[in-house]
Amino acid sequence: MVPEELKYTHEHEWVLRTGADSVRVGITDFAQTQLGDVVFVQLPEVGEQLTAGQTVGEVESTKSVSDLFAPLDGSVVARNEALDQQPELINSDPYGEGWMFEITVAEPETIDTLLDADAYKAITEG
């Protein structure tokens, strides 16, 4: 499942534009399937400045630990506090209740440089 309205990264994160210069970020269905049952998530803190490609957290599953990367430059304005108690939301609803954090993007035009659904599908199916 690769929703058409989202943008994607090579690190298997999805990005949803929520405003002119803001986005919501999570990991893809493909990523959560590869990880298995998610048991712990470490997210960036509100106010943290992010640089695209920087490690900003971790997703721990019964199989492995995977780094979480900043998809764009910006500042964290929200984090999904529900994941502290219910990290399994990432498995059950990766594009909805399993979202991870929101950022105000430093340069909003960079959102359009991320992968579209077709390009992301080519990576995961290739």
Protein backbone atom coordinates (compact mmCIF):
# COMPACT_ATOMS: atom_id res chain seq x y z
CA MET A 1 0.00 0.00 0.00
CA VAL A 2 1.55 3.27 -1.20
CA PRO A 3 -0.87 6.22 -0.92
CA GLU A 4 -0.63 8.46 -3.99
CA GLU A 5 -1.01 11.76 -2.08
CA LEU A 6 2.16 11.29 -0.02
CA LYS A 7 5.83 11.93 -0.75
CA TYR A 8 8.49 9.37 0.19
CA THR A 9 12.18 9.02 1.03
CA HIS A 10 14.72 6.34 0.13
CA GLU A 11 14.78 5.56 3.88
CA HIS A 12 11.12 4.41 3.73
CA GLU A 13 9.51 7.42 5.37
CA TRP A 14 6.36 9.11 4.16
CA VAL A 15 5.71 12.85 4.19
CA LEU A 16 2.27 14.46 4.15
CA ARG A 17 1.98 18.18 3.51
CA THR A 18 -0.25 19.57 6.29
CA GLY A 19 0.19 23.28 5.50
CA ALA A 20 2.13 25.67 3.28
CA ASP A 21 5.36 24.95 5.15
CA SER A 22 4.51 22.01 7.43
CA VAL A 23 4.56 18.23 7.05
CA ARG A 24 3.69 15.11 9.03
CA VAL A 25 6.19 12.23 8.91
CA GLY A 26 5.96 8.49 9.50
CA ILE A 27 7.37 5.23 8.21
CA THR A 28 5.81 3.38 5.31
CA ASP A 29 3.79 0.20 5.34
CA PHE A 30 6.75 -1.46 3.58
CA ALA A 31 9.10 -0.37 6.40
CA GLN A 32 6.84 -1.52 9.23
CA THR A 33 6.37 -4.89 7.49
CA GLN A 34 10.14 -5.32 7.20
CA LEU A 35 10.64 -4.38 10.86
CA GLY A 36 7.98 -6.66 12.31
CA ASP A 37 6.24 -5.87 15.60
CA VAL A 38 7.28 -2.40 16.77
CA VAL A 39 7.89 -2.34 20.52
CA PHE A 40 9.57 1.06 21.11
CA VAL A 41 9.97 4.39 19.30
CA GLN A 42 12.38 7.24 20.06
CA LEU A 43 11.20 10.46 18.41
CA PRO A 44 12.79 13.90 18.10
CA GLU A 45 11.74 16.50 20.65
CA VAL A 46 9.52 19.51 19.87
CA GLY A 47 11.76 22.46 19.03
CA GLU A 48 14.59 20.28 17.72
CA GLN A 49 16.22 21.59 14.53
CA LEU A 50 16.55 18.91 11.85
CA THR A 51 18.82 18.56 8.85
CA ALA A 52 17.68 16.36 5.98
CA GLY A 53 19.30 12.93 6.22
CA GLN A 54 20.19 13.32 9.91
CA THR A 55 19.33 10.50 12.32
CA VAL A 56 16.54 11.85 14.55
CA GLY A 57 15.31 8.76 16.37
CA GLU A 58 14.89 5.00 16.35
CA VAL A 59 12.24 2.39 15.76
CA GLU A 60 12.79 -0.81 17.70
CA SER A 61 11.01 -4.02 16.79
CA THR A 62 11.13 -7.62 17.90
CA LYS A 63 13.55 -8.20 14.98
CA SER A 64 15.84 -5.18 14.91
CA VAL A 65 16.48 -1.49 15.59
CA SER A 66 16.21 0.95 12.70
CA ASP A 67 17.22 4.59 12.55
CA LEU A 68 14.66 7.27 11.82
CA PHE A 69 15.86 10.06 9.52
CA ALA A 70 14.81 13.66 8.94
CA PRO A 71 13.26 13.84 5.47
CA LEU A 72 13.76 17.62 5.20
CA ASP A 73 15.43 20.56 6.96
CA GLY A 74 13.18 22.16 9.56
CA SER A 75 12.00 22.35 13.15
CA VAL A 76 9.93 19.77 15.04
CA VAL A 77 6.56 21.27 16.02
CA ALA A 78 4.75 18.11 17.22
CA ARG A 79 5.41 14.49 18.07
CA ASN A 80 2.95 11.64 18.36
CA GLU A 81 2.91 11.13 22.13
CA ALA A 82 0.54 8.14 21.74
CA LEU A 83 3.47 6.11 20.41
CA ASP A 84 5.15 6.26 23.84
CA GLN A 85 2.44 3.93 25.18
CA GLN A 86 1.27 2.31 21.92
CA PRO A 87 4.20 1.86 19.52
CA GLU A 88 2.20 -0.89 17.81
CA LEU A 89 0.12 1.86 16.13
CA ILE A 90 2.96 2.01 13.60
CA ASN A 91 2.12 -1.58 12.59
CA SER A 92 -1.66 -1.27 12.65
CA ASP A 93 -2.00 2.17 11.00
CA PRO A 94 1.34 3.44 9.62
CA TYR A 95 -0.27 6.22 7.52
CA GLY A 96 -2.77 7.34 10.17
CA GLU A 97 -2.58 6.91 13.95
CA GLY A 98 1.01 5.67 13.58
CA TRP A 99 2.39 9.03 12.37
CA MET A 100 5.58 10.06 14.17
CA PHE A 101 6.30 13.80 14.12
CA GLU A 102 5.53 17.07 12.36
CA ILE A 103 7.98 19.66 11.16
CA THR A 104 7.91 23.21 9.88
CA VAL A 105 10.03 22.95 6.76
CA ALA A 106 12.82 25.52 6.29
CA GLU A 107 12.40 25.57 2.49
CA PRO A 108 8.89 24.34 1.53
CA GLU A 109 9.82 23.90 -2.14
CA THR A 110 12.08 20.99 -1.09
CA ILE A 111 8.99 18.91 -0.28
CA ASP A 112 8.48 18.48 -4.03
CA THR A 113 11.96 16.99 -4.43
CA LEU A 114 10.98 13.88 -2.46
CA LEU A 115 9.87 10.69 -4.22
CA ASP A 116 6.33 10.40 -5.53
CA ALA A 117 4.33 7.19 -5.06
CA ASP A 118 5.41 5.66 -8.39
CA ALA A 119 9.11 6.30 -7.70
CA TYR A 120 8.77 4.81 -4.21
CA LYS A 121 6.97 1.74 -5.56
CA ALA A 122 9.84 1.23 -8.03
CA ILE A 123 12.28 1.10 -5.09
CA THR A 124 10.24 -1.34 -3.01
CA GLU A 125 9.21 -3.58 -5.89
CA GLY A 126 12.53 -3.47 -7.73
